[in-house]
């Protein structure tokens, strides 16, 4: 480390080291990055067949290279103090002038950034604190409310068609579950032959059929008629139409599942859902 008789000479030596490091950074990292940006701009320009702006891409690459150089310069500015302490040789005046010029650019860049950030922050605060015209505000609120009301979907009624279908099919599912459990609780007895057991099973399900008709036949028939009136196809594959089945007997467990599927052919306002394809 060289001995300096005045603090100004010390800082001049630091600026010389700083200028030397900035030149090294400019030659190696920054120029390489700028060359890469130009190459990328040319690639985009050629691949787009001239639709992208080559000048804009080169300008963006130059801005990126300048930012990288500024970051390196800030790091080198702090490193230069240590480098001057370790160096045995003095730098040149040209390096010192270059270092001082870069410091001046850094100060201007940082100051410009602070001013721009302050102006942006001040603009946002002014916009937020600006008093609104009460009349215009009320008109805007009324307009938003009108748009909301126009697009608002009415709440689905608990007595909507599809809710009644789901409720009916759930009750019928529970009904058949209970009847199956009742039959399973009365297996073939020790002194009962197979013929007697089959007769008992048949009698059980005949009674189930009659009870099903009493509890659900009218409701199911009414729902199917409403669906047909809405234009919904109530035909069930391989078994004919639901209305025909209900004229003859109560719906079985599998047909109950088919009736449940019909609930998805109407919306919350009981309108038929028809495919648009």
Protein backbone atom coordinates (compact mmCIF):
# COMPACT_ATOMS: atom_id res chain seq x y z
CA UNK A 1 0.00 0.00 0.00
CA UNK A 2 1.41 3.42 -0.96
CA UNK A 3 1.60 6.17 1.65
CA UNK A 4 -0.52 9.21 0.92
CA UNK A 5 0.21 12.61 2.39
CA UNK A 6 -3.32 13.96 1.87
CA UNK A 7 -6.81 12.45 1.92
CA UNK A 8 -7.47 13.75 -1.59
CA UNK A 9 -4.59 11.67 -2.93
CA UNK A 10 -6.00 8.61 -1.14
CA UNK A 11 -9.38 9.03 -2.81
CA UNK A 12 -7.71 9.71 -6.15
CA UNK A 13 -5.86 6.42 -5.80
CA UNK A 14 -9.14 4.67 -4.95
CA UNK A 15 -10.77 6.21 -8.06
CA UNK A 16 -7.86 4.95 -10.13
CA UNK A 17 -8.42 1.42 -8.84
CA UNK A 18 -12.15 1.85 -9.44
CA UNK A 19 -11.60 2.99 -13.02
CA UNK A 20 -9.35 0.01 -13.67
CA UNK A 21 -11.96 -2.45 -12.32
CA UNK A 22 -14.79 -0.81 -14.27
CA UNK A 23 -12.78 -1.10 -17.48
CA UNK A 24 -12.10 -4.79 -16.78
CA UNK A 25 -15.79 -5.37 -16.07
CA UNK A 26 -16.84 -3.46 -19.19
CA UNK A 27 -14.52 -5.42 -21.44
CA UNK A 28 -15.43 -8.87 -20.06
CA UNK A 29 -18.94 -9.19 -18.60
CA UNK A 30 -20.83 -6.18 -19.97
CA UNK A 31 -19.68 -6.36 -23.58
CA UNK A 32 -20.37 -10.09 -23.58
CA UNK A 33 -23.89 -9.48 -22.30
CA UNK A 34 -24.50 -6.72 -24.86
CA UNK A 35 -23.29 -9.01 -27.65
CA UNK A 36 -25.66 -11.70 -26.41
CA UNK A 37 -28.53 -9.19 -26.43
CA UNK A 38 -27.77 -8.17 -30.01
CA UNK A 39 -27.58 -11.83 -31.04
CA UNK A 40 -30.93 -12.53 -29.36
CA UNK A 41 -32.51 -9.52 -31.07
CA UNK A 42 -31.25 -10.70 -34.45
CA UNK A 43 -32.57 -14.22 -33.78
CA UNK A 44 -36.05 -12.93 -32.86
CA UNK A 45 -36.06 -10.63 -35.87
CA UNK A 46 -35.18 -13.44 -38.27
CA UNK A 47 -37.57 -15.99 -36.73
CA UNK A 48 -40.48 -13.51 -36.88
CA UNK A 49 -39.67 -12.69 -40.53
CA UNK A 50 -39.28 -9.02 -39.73
CA UNK A 51 -42.43 -8.61 -37.62
CA UNK A 52 -40.54 -7.74 -34.41
CA UNK A 53 -38.56 -4.53 -34.04
CA UNK A 54 -34.82 -5.15 -34.19
CA UNK A 55 -34.07 -1.63 -32.90
CA UNK A 56 -36.32 -2.10 -29.85
CA UNK A 57 -34.68 -5.43 -29.05
CA UNK A 58 -31.17 -3.91 -29.32
CA UNK A 59 -32.27 -0.99 -27.13
CA UNK A 60 -33.62 -3.39 -24.48
CA UNK A 61 -30.36 -5.32 -24.61
CA UNK A 62 -28.41 -2.06 -24.14
CA UNK A 63 -30.53 -1.13 -21.11
CA UNK A 64 -29.92 -4.59 -19.61
CA UNK A 65 -26.17 -4.29 -20.19
CA UNK A 66 -26.15 -0.83 -18.56
CA UNK A 67 -27.98 -2.13 -15.50
CA UNK A 68 -25.52 -5.01 -15.18
CA UNK A 69 -22.62 -2.59 -15.50
CA UNK A 70 -24.12 -0.38 -12.80
CA UNK A 71 -24.43 -3.32 -10.42
CA UNK A 72 -20.84 -4.35 -11.10
CA UNK A 73 -19.73 -0.72 -10.65
CA UNK A 74 -21.34 -0.47 -7.22
CA UNK A 75 -19.60 -3.67 -6.13
CA UNK A 76 -16.28 -2.52 -7.60
CA UNK A 77 -16.56 0.83 -5.84
CA UNK A 78 -16.47 -0.90 -2.47
CA UNK A 79 -13.81 -3.37 -3.65
CA UNK A 80 -11.58 -0.55 -4.83
CA UNK A 81 -10.91 0.58 -1.24
CA UNK A 82 -9.57 -2.87 -0.39
CA UNK A 83 -7.72 -3.17 -3.72
CA UNK A 84 -5.98 0.17 -3.18
CA UNK A 85 -4.95 -1.01 0.27
CA UNK A 86 -3.39 -4.18 -1.17
CA UNK A 87 -1.94 -2.71 -4.37
CA UNK A 88 1.72 -1.77 -4.53
CA UNK A 89 1.51 0.13 -7.79
CA UNK A 90 -0.35 3.35 -8.51
CA UNK A 91 -2.94 3.66 -11.24
CA UNK A 92 -2.92 6.07 -14.14
CA UNK A 93 -4.60 9.46 -14.33
CA UNK A 94 -6.73 8.17 -17.19
CA UNK A 95 -8.06 5.43 -14.94
CA UNK A 96 -8.78 7.97 -12.23
CA UNK A 97 -10.74 10.20 -14.62
CA UNK A 98 -12.69 7.15 -15.83
CA UNK A 99 -13.46 6.12 -12.26
CA UNK A 100 -14.65 9.63 -11.35
CA UNK A 101 -16.86 9.71 -14.47
CA UNK A 102 -18.46 6.36 -13.55
CA UNK A 103 -19.06 7.56 -9.97
CA UNK A 104 -20.78 10.65 -11.37
CA UNK A 105 -22.98 8.44 -13.58
CA UNK A 106 -23.86 6.25 -10.60
CA UNK A 107 -24.84 9.27 -8.51
CA UNK A 108 -27.02 10.59 -11.35
CA UNK A 109 -28.63 7.19 -11.89
CA UNK A 110 -29.39 6.68 -8.21
CA UNK A 111 -30.71 10.21 -7.88
CA UNK A 112 -32.93 9.81 -10.94
CA UNK A 113 -34.28 6.55 -9.56
CA UNK A 114 -35.10 8.15 -6.23
CA UNK A 115 -36.86 11.09 -7.91
CA UNK A 116 -38.90 8.82 -10.18
CA UNK A 117 -39.88 6.57 -7.28
CA UNK A 118 -40.90 9.62 -5.23
CA UNK A 119 -42.99 11.04 -8.08
CA UNK A 120 -44.70 7.69 -8.65
CA UNK A 121 -45.44 7.30 -4.94
CA UNK A 122 -46.72 10.87 -4.73
CA UNK A 123 -48.96 10.34 -7.77
CA UNK A 124 -50.47 7.22 -6.22
CA UNK A 125 -51.14 9.03 -2.94
CA UNK A 126 -52.74 11.96 -4.78
CA UNK A 127 -54.96 9.62 -6.75
CA UNK A 128 -56.06 7.78 -3.63
CA UNK A 129 -56.73 10.93 -1.64
CA UNK A 130 -58.48 12.85 -4.40
CA UNK A 131 -62.06 13.67 -3.52
CA UNK A 132 -64.62 12.04 -5.79
CA UNK A 133 -67.66 13.79 -7.16
CA UNK A 134 -70.58 12.50 -5.01
CA UNK A 135 -73.01 12.66 -7.92
CA UNK A 136 -70.72 10.74 -10.26
CA UNK A 137 -69.98 8.25 -7.50
CA UNK A 138 -73.69 7.60 -6.88
CA UNK A 139 -74.32 7.22 -10.61
CA UNK A 140 -71.46 4.73 -10.91
CA UNK A 141 -72.76 2.73 -7.95
CA UNK A 142 -76.26 2.69 -9.43
CA UNK A 143 -74.88 1.49 -12.76
CA UNK A 144 -72.89 -1.30 -11.10
CA UNK A 145 -75.93 -2.34 -9.08
CA UNK A 146 -78.08 -2.45 -12.22
CA UNK A 147 -75.52 -4.65 -13.99
CA UNK A 148 -75.35 -6.94 -10.97
CA UNK A 149 -79.12 -7.26 -10.74
CA UNK A 150 -79.34 -7.96 -14.49
CA UNK A 151 -76.86 -10.82 -14.24
CA UNK A 152 -77.99 -12.09 -10.85
CA UNK A 153 -79.27 -15.67 -10.95
CA UNK A 154 -82.38 -16.19 -8.78
CA UNK A 155 -81.92 -18.57 -5.87
CA UNK A 156 -83.20 -22.08 -6.48
CA UNK A 157 -86.47 -22.84 -4.77
CA UNK A 158 -86.58 -25.81 -2.34
CA UNK A 159 -89.59 -26.97 -4.37
CA UNK A 160 -87.82 -26.83 -7.72
CA UNK A 161 -88.35 -29.78 -10.05
CA UNK A 162 -84.88 -31.19 -9.77
CA UNK A 163 -84.84 -30.87 -5.98
CA UNK A 164 -88.12 -32.77 -5.82
CA UNK A 165 -86.63 -35.47 -8.07
CA UNK A 166 -83.58 -35.83 -5.83
CA UNK A 167 -85.78 -35.92 -2.73
CA UNK A 168 -88.09 -38.58 -4.20
CA UNK A 169 -85.28 -40.81 -5.46
CA UNK A 170 -83.48 -40.56 -2.11
CA UNK A 171 -86.62 -41.65 -0.28
CA UNK A 172 -87.13 -44.54 -2.72
CA UNK A 173 -83.50 -45.63 -2.32
CA UNK A 174 -83.93 -45.65 1.47
CA UNK A 175 -87.20 -47.56 1.09
CA UNK A 176 -85.64 -50.34 -1.00
CA UNK A 177 -82.61 -50.51 1.33
CA UNK A 178 -84.87 -51.14 4.32
CA UNK A 179 -86.89 -53.80 2.46
CA UNK A 180 -83.73 -55.64 1.40
CA UNK A 181 -82.50 -55.61 4.98
CA UNK A 182 -85.83 -57.00 6.16
CA UNK A 183 -85.58 -59.89 3.71
CA UNK A 184 -81.96 -60.59 4.63
CA UNK A 185 -82.99 -60.75 8.30
CA UNK A 186 -85.31 -63.68 7.49
CA UNK A 187 -83.10 -66.28 5.75
CA UNK A 188 -84.07 -69.84 4.88
CA UNK A 189 -85.24 -71.52 8.11
CA UNK A 190 -83.96 -74.89 9.35
CA UNK A 191 -87.34 -76.58 8.82
CA UNK A 192 -88.25 -74.63 5.68
CA UNK A 193 -87.77 -76.11 2.23
CA UNK A 194 -86.58 -74.12 -0.76
CA UNK A 195 -90.03 -73.89 -2.33
CA UNK A 196 -91.56 -72.39 0.77
CA UNK A 197 -88.70 -69.94 1.08
CA UNK A 198 -89.09 -68.78 -2.53
CA UNK A 199 -92.84 -68.32 -1.99
CA UNK A 200 -92.13 -66.21 1.09
CA UNK A 201 -89.64 -64.09 -0.85
CA UNK A 202 -92.15 -63.58 -3.66
CA UNK A 203 -94.86 -62.57 -1.21
CA UNK A 204 -92.46 -60.13 0.45
CA UNK A 205 -91.63 -58.35 -2.78
CA UNK A 206 -95.26 -58.26 -3.85
CA UNK A 207 -96.03 -56.46 -0.62
CA UNK A 208 -93.08 -54.15 -1.28
CA UNK A 209 -94.49 -53.38 -4.72
CA UNK A 210 -97.89 -52.47 -3.27
CA UNK A 211 -96.36 -50.31 -0.54
CA UNK A 212 -94.13 -48.58 -3.10
CA UNK A 213 -97.18 -47.71 -5.19
CA UNK A 214 -98.99 -46.25 -2.19
CA UNK A 215 -96.04 -44.12 -1.12
CA UNK A 216 -94.39 -42.99 -4.35
CA UNK A 217 -96.49 -43.76 -7.45
CA UNK A 218 -98.43 -40.50 -7.58
CA UNK A 219 -95.38 -38.31 -6.90
CA UNK A 220 -93.27 -40.12 -9.49
CA UNK A 221 -96.01 -39.91 -12.10
CA UNK A 222 -96.50 -36.19 -11.48
CA UNK A 223 -92.76 -35.51 -11.78
CA UNK A 224 -92.49 -37.45 -15.06
CA UNK A 225 -95.46 -35.51 -16.45
CA UNK A 226 -93.79 -32.22 -15.51
CA UNK A 227 -90.58 -33.30 -17.20
CA UNK A 228 -92.44 -34.21 -20.38
CA UNK A 229 -94.24 -30.86 -20.32
CA UNK A 230 -90.82 -29.13 -20.14
CA UNK A 231 -89.72 -31.00 -23.25
CA UNK A 232 -87.40 -33.41 -21.43
CA UNK A 233 -87.03 -36.86 -22.99
CA UNK A 234 -88.23 -39.27 -20.29
CA UNK A 235 -87.42 -42.41 -22.26
CA UNK A 236 -85.19 -44.89 -20.40
CA UNK A 237 -83.06 -47.18 -22.54
CA UNK A 238 -84.29 -50.78 -22.99
CA UNK A 239 -87.28 -50.24 -20.72
CA UNK A 240 -89.41 -47.69 -22.54
CA UNK A 241 -90.73 -44.42 -21.22
CA UNK A 242 -91.03 -43.71 -17.49
CA UNK A 243 -94.68 -42.75 -17.90
CA UNK A 244 -95.44 -46.16 -19.44
CA UNK A 245 -93.62 -47.98 -16.65
CA UNK A 246 -95.45 -46.00 -13.97
CA UNK A 247 -98.80 -46.87 -15.52
CA UNK A 248 -98.00 -50.54 -14.91
CA UNK A 249 -95.94 -50.72 -11.73
CA UNK A 250 -93.71 -48.92 -9.26
CA UNK A 251 -90.16 -48.07 -10.28
CA UNK A 252 -87.50 -50.61 -9.34
CA UNK A 253 -84.12 -49.71 -7.80
CA UNK A 254 -82.35 -49.43 -11.17
CA UNK A 255 -85.14 -47.32 -12.62
CA UNK A 256 -84.94 -45.02 -9.59
CA UNK A 257 -81.32 -44.33 -10.56
CA UNK A 258 -82.52 -43.51 -14.10
CA UNK A 259 -85.12 -41.09 -12.75
CA UNK A 260 -82.41 -39.38 -10.71
CA UNK A 261 -80.43 -38.76 -13.90
CA UNK A 262 -83.38 -36.87 -15.34
CA UNK A 263 -82.86 -34.20 -12.66
CA UNK A 264 -79.73 -33.12 -14.53
CA UNK A 265 -81.82 -32.28 -17.61
CA UNK A 266 -83.43 -29.23 -15.97
CA UNK A 267 -81.82 -26.18 -14.39
CA UNK A 268 -82.53 -24.42 -11.08
CA UNK A 269 -85.45 -22.53 -12.64
CA UNK A 270 -87.10 -25.73 -14.01
CA UNK A 271 -86.03 -24.99 -17.59
CA UNK A 272 -85.07 -27.90 -19.79
CA UNK A 273 -81.34 -28.20 -20.53
CA UNK A 274 -80.88 -29.01 -24.18
CA UNK A 275 -77.48 -29.75 -25.78
CA UNK A 276 -76.25 -27.10 -28.23
CA UNK A 277 -74.02 -29.44 -30.25
